[in-house]
Amino acid sequence: MPNKTIIISGGVTGIGAAAALKFLEEGWQVSVFSNIKEHNEEFLKLAQSQGLNRKLLVMEADITKEDSVKKVVNETKKKFKTVDVLFNNAGMGYFVEADKVDIKKFDQMLEVNIVGMANLTKQIIPVMKKQKQGLVINVSSIAAKVGHAKSEFYAASKSAVLQYSEGLRQEVSKFGIKVSVLCPGMVKTNFWDAKEYSRRKKEVWKGKDPVFLYPEDLSRLIWFIANQSPEAEIQEATIMPFGN
């Protein structure tokens, strides 16, 4: 199979790491980055232990800094020559009452969840235009469609991802570039801290642990989207835990 390349933001933990391993197993060239050195090192060791590091590039970068993500794209092109898929996975959550919001924390979340996504995509689109092909996969959330108390700020950031993706799709389709957006339900990762998980269990889940998706569920869906036929465009995919 010809060498294909995917860049994954936040690609060393959770959904991003599961996707990275899936694509490596399938023979793709994979470029991942995060701004946490320890997480990068742990993922590299994991890939090495599975013999999957030959086509792997791991970098430390901040998605909110333009020079930082520009370096990611340039280093990926230098090593792998092409960028066929961008998986905009990096994200964070902030859950609080409307009258107790810390605007600085809300702004930080927006910087990662939507501004950072736009920042990285800005660097990728010219590459894909030149290639006359490419795929951008953006992670939104079911929270963008279904409101919950104390989730309004997170939902606002993920709703922005939906609209950004829709506009981007219409803008770049004439260049042979496709845009997909994922809207997953709850995924078993370290997304929530212990305090937020405890609150949800008490207030939302009625004292019970709910059914979760697993990162591997998302990785299989991402793989499917990346291998859609030239005649198809998977514009949006919603995946939910079954049984709650």
C-alpha atoms as a PDB file:
ATOM      1  CA  MET A   1       0.000   0.000   0.000  1.00  0.00           C
ATOM      2  CA  PRO A   2       1.239   3.541  -0.704  1.00  0.00           C
ATOM      3  CA  ASN A   3       2.470   5.494   2.298  1.00  0.00           C
ATOM      4  CA  LYS A   4      -0.196   7.726   3.780  1.00  0.00           C
ATOM      5  CA  THR A   5       0.222  10.168   6.644  1.00  0.00           C
ATOM      6  CA  ILE A   6      -2.041  11.340   9.447  1.00  0.00           C
ATOM      7  CA  ILE A   7      -1.370  14.142  11.938  1.00  0.00           C
ATOM      8  CA  ILE A   8      -3.151  13.795  15.286  1.00  0.00           C
ATOM      9  CA  SER A   9      -3.276  16.622  17.803  1.00  0.00           C
ATOM     10  CA  GLY A  10      -3.351  15.403  21.379  1.00  0.00           C
ATOM     11  CA  GLY A  11      -2.330  12.089  19.874  1.00  0.00           C
ATOM     12  CA  VAL A  12      -0.532  10.538  22.830  1.00  0.00           C
ATOM     13  CA  THR A  13      -3.391   9.897  25.270  1.00  0.00           C
ATOM     14  CA  GLY A  14      -7.024   8.808  25.152  1.00  0.00           C
ATOM     15  CA  ILE A  15      -8.808   8.844  21.797  1.00  0.00           C
ATOM     16  CA  GLY A  16      -5.796  10.325  20.010  1.00  0.00           C
ATOM     17  CA  ALA A  17      -3.451   7.590  21.210  1.00  0.00           C
ATOM     18  CA  ALA A  18      -5.913   4.839  20.280  1.00  0.00           C
ATOM     19  CA  ALA A  19      -6.258   6.321  16.801  1.00  0.00           C
ATOM     20  CA  ALA A  20      -2.487   6.664  16.428  1.00  0.00           C
ATOM     21  CA  LEU A  21      -1.928   3.012  17.323  1.00  0.00           C
ATOM     22  CA  LYS A  22      -4.685   1.885  14.939  1.00  0.00           C
ATOM     23  CA  PHE A  23      -3.188   3.765  12.007  1.00  0.00           C
ATOM     24  CA  LEU A  24       0.322   2.549  12.835  1.00  0.00           C
ATOM     25  CA  GLU A  25      -0.944  -1.022  12.939  1.00  0.00           C
ATOM     26  CA  GLU A  26      -2.436  -0.491   9.482  1.00  0.00           C
ATOM     27  CA  GLY A  27       0.885   0.720   8.094  1.00  0.00           C
ATOM     28  CA  TRP A  28       0.273   4.458   8.006  1.00  0.00           C
ATOM     29  CA  GLN A  29       2.823   7.143   8.819  1.00  0.00           C
ATOM     30  CA  VAL A  30       1.674   8.871  11.993  1.00  0.00           C
ATOM     31  CA  SER A  31       2.658  12.256  13.402  1.00  0.00           C
ATOM     32  CA  VAL A  32       1.416  13.064  16.912  1.00  0.00           C
ATOM     33  CA  PHE A  33       2.003  15.879  19.339  1.00  0.00           C
ATOM     34  CA  SER A  34       0.991  17.251  22.721  1.00  0.00           C
ATOM     35  CA  ASN A  35       2.373  19.938  25.012  1.00  0.00           C
ATOM     36  CA  ILE A  36       3.093  17.513  27.878  1.00  0.00           C
ATOM     37  CA  LYS A  37       6.562  15.997  27.596  1.00  0.00           C
ATOM     38  CA  GLU A  38       5.864  13.069  29.949  1.00  0.00           C
ATOM     39  CA  HIS A  39       2.817  11.969  27.949  1.00  0.00           C
ATOM     40  CA  ASN A  40       4.828  12.109  24.736  1.00  0.00           C
ATOM     41  CA  GLU A  41       7.565   9.960  26.239  1.00  0.00           C
ATOM     42  CA  GLU A  42       5.078   7.421  27.607  1.00  0.00           C
ATOM     43  CA  PHE A  43       3.357   7.045  24.254  1.00  0.00           C
ATOM     44  CA  LEU A  44       6.643   6.643  22.402  1.00  0.00           C
ATOM     45  CA  LYS A  45       7.638   3.859  24.805  1.00  0.00           C
ATOM     46  CA  LEU A  46       4.259   2.192  24.267  1.00  0.00           C
ATOM     47  CA  ALA A  47       4.633   2.306  20.494  1.00  0.00           C
ATOM     48  CA  GLN A  48       8.181   0.977  20.747  1.00  0.00           C
ATOM     49  CA  SER A  49       7.046  -1.912  22.959  1.00  0.00           C
ATOM     50  CA  GLN A  50       4.592  -2.924  20.210  1.00  0.00           C
ATOM     51  CA  GLY A  51       7.099  -2.466  17.400  1.00  0.00           C
ATOM     52  CA  LEU A  52       5.110   0.415  15.934  1.00  0.00           C
ATOM     53  CA  ASN A  53       7.602   3.272  16.117  1.00  0.00           C
ATOM     54  CA  ARG A  54       9.216   2.944  12.671  1.00  0.00           C
ATOM     55  CA  LYS A  55       6.654   5.215  11.012  1.00  0.00           C
ATOM     56  CA  LEU A  56       5.960   7.366  14.060  1.00  0.00           C
ATOM     57  CA  LEU A  57       6.903  10.980  14.737  1.00  0.00           C
ATOM     58  CA  VAL A  58       6.256  12.344  18.240  1.00  0.00           C
ATOM     59  CA  MET A  59       6.647  16.056  18.923  1.00  0.00           C
ATOM     60  CA  GLU A  60       6.106  18.467  21.774  1.00  0.00           C
ATOM     61  CA  ALA A  61       3.972  21.393  20.630  1.00  0.00           C
ATOM     62  CA  ASP A  62       1.288  23.800  21.832  1.00  0.00           C
ATOM     63  CA  ILE A  63      -1.780  23.836  19.588  1.00  0.00           C
ATOM     64  CA  THR A  64      -2.611  27.413  20.592  1.00  0.00           C
ATOM     65  CA  LYS A  65       0.744  28.742  19.309  1.00  0.00           C
ATOM     66  CA  GLU A  66       0.972  29.311  15.563  1.00  0.00           C
ATOM     67  CA  ASP A  67       4.749  28.881  15.332  1.00  0.00           C
ATOM     68  CA  SER A  68       4.488  25.653  17.314  1.00  0.00           C
ATOM     69  CA  VAL A  69       1.937  23.978  15.038  1.00  0.00           C
ATOM     70  CA  LYS A  70       3.678  25.316  11.948  1.00  0.00           C
ATOM     71  CA  LYS A  71       6.759  23.404  13.090  1.00  0.00           C
ATOM     72  CA  VAL A  72       4.652  20.243  13.516  1.00  0.00           C
ATOM     73  CA  VAL A  73       3.422  20.475   9.931  1.00  0.00           C
ATOM     74  CA  ASN A  74       6.855  21.292   8.519  1.00  0.00           C
ATOM     75  CA  GLU A  75       8.572  18.448  10.395  1.00  0.00           C
ATOM     76  CA  THR A  76       5.849  16.024   9.322  1.00  0.00           C
ATOM     77  CA  LYS A  77       6.216  17.016   5.675  1.00  0.00           C
ATOM     78  CA  LYS A  78       9.989  16.769   5.934  1.00  0.00           C
ATOM     79  CA  LYS A  79       9.846  13.233   7.327  1.00  0.00           C
ATOM     80  CA  PHE A  80       6.800  11.774   5.557  1.00  0.00           C
ATOM     81  CA  LYS A  81       6.433  14.009   2.441  1.00  0.00           C
ATOM     82  CA  THR A  82       2.610  14.175   2.507  1.00  0.00           C
ATOM     83  CA  VAL A  83      -0.245  14.871   4.920  1.00  0.00           C
ATOM     84  CA  ASP A  84      -3.341  12.939   3.881  1.00  0.00           C
ATOM     85  CA  VAL A  85      -5.441  13.236   7.042  1.00  0.00           C
ATOM     86  CA  LEU A  86      -5.591  15.743   9.884  1.00  0.00           C
ATOM     87  CA  PHE A  87      -7.317  14.521  13.038  1.00  0.00           C
ATOM     88  CA  ASN A  88      -8.098  17.544  15.210  1.00  0.00           C
ATOM     89  CA  ASN A  89      -8.423  15.684  18.493  1.00  0.00           C
ATOM     90  CA  ALA A  90      -6.889  17.952  21.143  1.00  0.00           C
ATOM     91  CA  GLY A  91      -9.441  19.330  23.573  1.00  0.00           C
ATOM     92  CA  MET A  92     -10.290  20.128  27.170  1.00  0.00           C
ATOM     93  CA  GLY A  93     -13.396  20.545  29.291  1.00  0.00           C
ATOM     94  CA  TYR A  94     -14.600  23.113  31.811  1.00  0.00           C
ATOM     95  CA  PHE A  95     -17.847  22.500  33.701  1.00  0.00           C
ATOM     96  CA  VAL A  96     -19.340  25.100  36.027  1.00  0.00           C
ATOM     97  CA  GLU A  97     -22.492  27.064  36.824  1.00  0.00           C
ATOM     98  CA  ALA A  98     -23.187  30.115  34.667  1.00  0.00           C
ATOM     99  CA  ASP A  99     -22.885  32.531  37.595  1.00  0.00           C
ATOM    100  CA  LYS A 100     -19.647  30.990  38.861  1.00  0.00           C
ATOM    101  CA  VAL A 101     -17.706  30.811  35.622  1.00  0.00           C
ATOM    102  CA  ASP A 102     -14.051  31.816  35.618  1.00  0.00           C
ATOM    103  CA  ILE A 103     -13.817  33.652  32.302  1.00  0.00           C
ATOM    104  CA  LYS A 104     -10.083  32.998  32.074  1.00  0.00           C
ATOM    105  CA  LYS A 105     -10.706  29.238  32.249  1.00  0.00           C
ATOM    106  CA  PHE A 106     -13.499  29.513  29.697  1.00  0.00           C
ATOM    107  CA  ASP A 107     -11.195  31.468  27.410  1.00  0.00           C
ATOM    108  CA  GLN A 108      -8.475  28.841  27.853  1.00  0.00           C
ATOM    109  CA  MET A 109     -10.907  26.120  26.771  1.00  0.00           C
ATOM    110  CA  LEU A 110     -11.938  28.107  23.707  1.00  0.00           C
ATOM    111  CA  GLU A 111      -8.261  28.595  22.840  1.00  0.00           C
ATOM    112  CA  VAL A 112      -7.729  24.831  22.782  1.00  0.00           C
ATOM    113  CA  ASN A 113     -11.063  23.519  21.496  1.00  0.00           C
ATOM    114  CA  ILE A 114     -11.720  25.902  18.630  1.00  0.00           C
ATOM    115  CA  VAL A 115      -8.929  28.458  18.152  1.00  0.00           C
ATOM    116  CA  GLY A 116      -6.260  25.754  18.345  1.00  0.00           C
ATOM    117  CA  MET A 117      -8.189  23.628  15.873  1.00  0.00           C
ATOM    118  CA  ALA A 118      -8.396  26.541  13.455  1.00  0.00           C
ATOM    119  CA  ASN A 119      -4.716  27.266  14.044  1.00  0.00           C
ATOM    120  CA  LEU A 120      -3.593  23.762  13.036  1.00  0.00           C
ATOM    121  CA  THR A 121      -6.052  23.529  10.152  1.00  0.00           C
ATOM    122  CA  LYS A 122      -4.723  26.822   8.797  1.00  0.00           C
ATOM    123  CA  GLN A 123      -1.305  25.203   8.397  1.00  0.00           C
ATOM    124  CA  ILE A 124      -2.660  22.004   6.810  1.00  0.00           C
ATOM    125  CA  ILE A 125      -5.053  23.356   4.199  1.00  0.00           C
ATOM    126  CA  PRO A 126      -2.346  24.815   1.892  1.00  0.00           C
ATOM    127  CA  VAL A 127      -0.597  21.408   1.904  1.00  0.00           C
ATOM    128  CA  MET A 128      -3.804  19.615   0.985  1.00  0.00           C
ATOM    129  CA  LYS A 129      -4.682  22.204  -1.660  1.00  0.00           C
ATOM    130  CA  LYS A 130      -1.325  21.590  -3.315  1.00  0.00           C
ATOM    131  CA  GLN A 131      -1.912  17.829  -3.183  1.00  0.00           C
ATOM    132  CA  LYS A 132      -5.484  18.335  -4.486  1.00  0.00           C
ATOM    133  CA  GLN A 133      -6.728  15.908  -1.851  1.00  0.00           C
ATOM    134  CA  GLY A 134      -7.022  15.492   1.891  1.00  0.00           C
ATOM    135  CA  LEU A 135      -9.323  14.848   4.830  1.00  0.00           C
ATOM    136  CA  VAL A 136      -9.863  16.885   7.992  1.00  0.00           C
ATOM    137  CA  ILE A 137     -11.573  15.128  10.920  1.00  0.00           C
ATOM    138  CA  ASN A 138     -12.696  17.389  13.769  1.00  0.00           C
ATOM    139  CA  VAL A 139     -13.883  16.195  17.175  1.00  0.00           C
ATOM    140  CA  SER A 140     -17.013  17.864  18.473  1.00  0.00           C
ATOM    141  CA  SER A 141     -19.267  16.197  21.067  1.00  0.00           C
ATOM    142  CA  ILE A 142     -22.829  15.089  21.668  1.00  0.00           C
ATOM    143  CA  ALA A 143     -22.794  18.034  24.089  1.00  0.00           C
ATOM    144  CA  ALA A 144     -23.000  20.283  21.019  1.00  0.00           C
ATOM    145  CA  LYS A 145     -26.469  18.858  20.355  1.00  0.00           C
ATOM    146  CA  VAL A 146     -27.885  17.980  23.778  1.00  0.00           C
ATOM    147  CA  GLY A 147     -27.690  20.509  26.599  1.00  0.00           C
ATOM    148  CA  HIS A 148     -26.946  19.688  30.237  1.00  0.00           C
ATOM    149  CA  ALA A 149     -26.678  21.870  33.324  1.00  0.00           C
ATOM    150  CA  LYS A 150     -23.115  23.002  34.075  1.00  0.00           C
ATOM    151  CA  SER A 151     -21.996  21.957  30.582  1.00  0.00           C
ATOM    152  CA  GLU A 152     -23.018  25.095  28.724  1.00  0.00           C
ATOM    153  CA  PHE A 153     -19.485  26.453  28.317  1.00  0.00           C
ATOM    154  CA  TYR A 154     -18.060  23.188  27.040  1.00  0.00           C
ATOM    155  CA  ALA A 155     -21.098  22.759  24.785  1.00  0.00           C
ATOM    156  CA  ALA A 156     -20.572  26.246  23.372  1.00  0.00           C
ATOM    157  CA  SER A 157     -16.997  25.383  22.362  1.00  0.00           C
ATOM    158  CA  LYS A 158     -18.076  22.120  20.737  1.00  0.00           C
ATOM    159  CA  SER A 159     -21.023  23.755  18.951  1.00  0.00           C
ATOM    160  CA  ALA A 160     -18.479  26.118  17.444  1.00  0.00           C
ATOM    161  CA  VAL A 161     -16.590  23.086  16.114  1.00  0.00           C
ATOM    162  CA  LEU A 162     -19.739  21.933  14.291  1.00  0.00           C
ATOM    163  CA  GLN A 163     -20.271  25.258  12.566  1.00  0.00           C
ATOM    164  CA  TYR A 164     -16.585  25.723  11.817  1.00  0.00           C
ATOM    165  CA  SER A 165     -16.512  22.290  10.192  1.00  0.00           C
ATOM    166  CA  GLU A 166     -19.603  23.020   8.088  1.00  0.00           C
ATOM    167  CA  GLY A 167     -18.185  26.250   6.742  1.00  0.00           C
ATOM    168  CA  LEU A 168     -14.755  24.713   6.156  1.00  0.00           C
ATOM    169  CA  ARG A 169     -16.322  21.832   4.209  1.00  0.00           C
ATOM    170  CA  GLN A 170     -18.058  24.192   1.807  1.00  0.00           C
ATOM    171  CA  GLU A 171     -14.896  26.227   1.419  1.00  0.00           C
ATOM    172  CA  VAL A 172     -12.405  23.463   0.603  1.00  0.00           C
ATOM    173  CA  SER A 173     -14.426  20.809  -1.229  1.00  0.00           C
ATOM    174  CA  LYS A 174     -13.517  22.337  -4.601  1.00  0.00           C
ATOM    175  CA  PHE A 175      -9.876  21.526  -3.814  1.00  0.00           C
ATOM    176  CA  GLY A 176     -10.596  17.826  -3.283  1.00  0.00           C
ATOM    177  CA  ILE A 177     -10.558  18.161   0.508  1.00  0.00           C
ATOM    178  CA  LYS A 178     -13.199  16.469   2.671  1.00  0.00           C
ATOM    179  CA  VAL A 179     -14.244  17.490   6.184  1.00  0.00           C
ATOM    180  CA  SER A 180     -15.788  15.151   8.754  1.00  0.00           C
ATOM    181  CA  VAL A 181     -16.901  15.916  12.287  1.00  0.00           C
ATOM    182  CA  LEU A 182     -17.320  13.399  15.118  1.00  0.00           C
ATOM    183  CA  CYS A 183     -19.910  13.781  17.870  1.00  0.00           C
ATOM    184  CA  PRO A 184     -19.139  11.122  20.479  1.00  0.00           C
ATOM    185  CA  GLY A 185     -20.937  10.500  23.718  1.00  0.00           C
ATOM    186  CA  MET A 186     -19.077   9.671  26.911  1.00  0.00           C
ATOM    187  CA  VAL A 187     -15.716   7.996  26.348  1.00  0.00           C
ATOM    188  CA  LYS A 188     -13.695   6.166  29.018  1.00  0.00           C
ATOM    189  CA  THR A 189     -10.646   8.435  29.287  1.00  0.00           C
ATOM    190  CA  ASN A 190      -9.135  10.775  31.869  1.00  0.00           C
ATOM    191  CA  PHE A 191     -11.167  13.672  30.464  1.00  0.00           C
ATOM    192  CA  TRP A 192     -12.917  14.378  33.793  1.00  0.00           C
ATOM    193  CA  ASP A 193     -11.061  14.838  37.037  1.00  0.00           C
ATOM    194  CA  ALA A 194     -12.219  12.949  40.145  1.00  0.00           C
ATOM    195  CA  LYS A 195     -14.315  15.872  41.402  1.00  0.00           C
ATOM    196  CA  GLU A 196     -16.270  16.278  38.177  1.00  0.00           C
ATOM    197  CA  TYR A 197     -16.777  12.517  37.809  1.00  0.00           C
ATOM    198  CA  SER A 198     -18.115  12.326  41.370  1.00  0.00           C
ATOM    199  CA  ARG A 199     -20.494  15.215  40.725  1.00  0.00           C
ATOM    200  CA  ARG A 200     -21.854  13.626  37.563  1.00  0.00           C
ATOM    201  CA  LYS A 201     -22.291  10.267  39.251  1.00  0.00           C
ATOM    202  CA  LYS A 202     -24.331  11.878  41.995  1.00  0.00           C
ATOM    203  CA  GLU A 203     -26.304  14.494  40.062  1.00  0.00           C
ATOM    204  CA  VAL A 204     -26.608  13.032  36.559  1.00  0.00           C
ATOM    205  CA  TRP A 205     -26.139   9.267  36.727  1.00  0.00           C
ATOM    206  CA  LYS A 206     -28.180   8.686  39.924  1.00  0.00           C
ATOM    207  CA  GLY A 207     -25.312   7.099  41.824  1.00  0.00           C
ATOM    208  CA  LYS A 208     -24.414   4.561  39.148  1.00  0.00           C
ATOM    209  CA  ASP A 209     -21.469   4.288  36.778  1.00  0.00           C
ATOM    210  CA  PRO A 210     -22.798   4.656  33.227  1.00  0.00           C
ATOM    211  CA  VAL A 211     -21.892   2.715  30.099  1.00  0.00           C
ATOM    212  CA  PHE A 212     -18.957   4.342  28.321  1.00  0.00           C
ATOM    213  CA  LEU A 213     -17.506   4.173  24.864  1.00  0.00           C
ATOM    214  CA  TYR A 214     -13.823   3.243  24.722  1.00  0.00           C
ATOM    215  CA  PRO A 215     -11.100   5.034  22.768  1.00  0.00           C
ATOM    216  CA  GLU A 216     -10.825   1.981  20.512  1.00  0.00           C
ATOM    217  CA  ASP A 217     -14.468   2.457  19.485  1.00  0.00           C
ATOM    218  CA  LEU A 218     -13.550   5.884  18.190  1.00  0.00           C
ATOM    219  CA  SER A 219     -10.330   4.682  16.554  1.00  0.00           C
ATOM    220  CA  ARG A 220     -12.241   2.148  14.449  1.00  0.00           C
ATOM    221  CA  LEU A 221     -14.690   4.836  13.336  1.00  0.00           C
ATOM    222  CA  ILE A 222     -11.867   7.233  12.469  1.00  0.00           C
ATOM    223  CA  TRP A 223     -10.182   4.477  10.455  1.00  0.00           C
ATOM    224  CA  PHE A 224     -13.435   3.870   8.574  1.00  0.00           C
ATOM    225  CA  ILE A 225     -13.812   7.569   7.769  1.00  0.00           C
ATOM    226  CA  ALA A 226     -10.210   7.809   6.594  1.00  0.00           C
ATOM    227  CA  ASN A 227     -10.832   4.933   4.186  1.00  0.00           C
ATOM    228  CA  GLN A 228     -14.137   6.076   2.703  1.00  0.00           C
ATOM    229  CA  SER A 229     -14.429   5.781  -1.055  1.00  0.00           C
ATOM    230  CA  PRO A 230     -13.534   8.709  -3.319  1.00  0.00           C
ATOM    231  CA  GLU A 231     -17.225   9.027  -4.208  1.00  0.00           C
ATOM    232  CA  ALA A 232     -18.348   9.322  -0.562  1.00  0.00           C
ATOM    233  CA  GLU A 233     -18.113  12.106   2.009  1.00  0.00           C
ATOM    234  CA  ILE A 234     -18.887  11.242   5.617  1.00  0.00           C
ATOM    235  CA  GLN A 235     -19.766  14.680   6.853  1.00  0.00           C
ATOM    236  CA  GLU A 236     -20.820  13.872  10.398  1.00  0.00           C
ATOM    237  CA  ALA A 237     -20.811  10.803  12.630  1.00  0.00           C
ATOM    238  CA  THR A 238     -22.473  10.464  16.027  1.00  0.00           C
ATOM    239  CA  ILE A 239     -21.426   7.540  18.214  1.00  0.00           C
ATOM    240  CA  MET A 240     -23.023   6.864  21.583  1.00  0.00           C
ATOM    241  CA  PRO A 241     -22.649   4.323  24.407  1.00  0.00           C
ATOM    242  CA  PHE A 242     -25.285   1.617  24.121  1.00  0.00           C
ATOM    243  CA  GLY A 243     -27.353   0.635  27.130  1.00  0.00           C
ATOM    244  CA  ASN A 244     -27.618   3.727  29.356  1.00  0.00           C
END
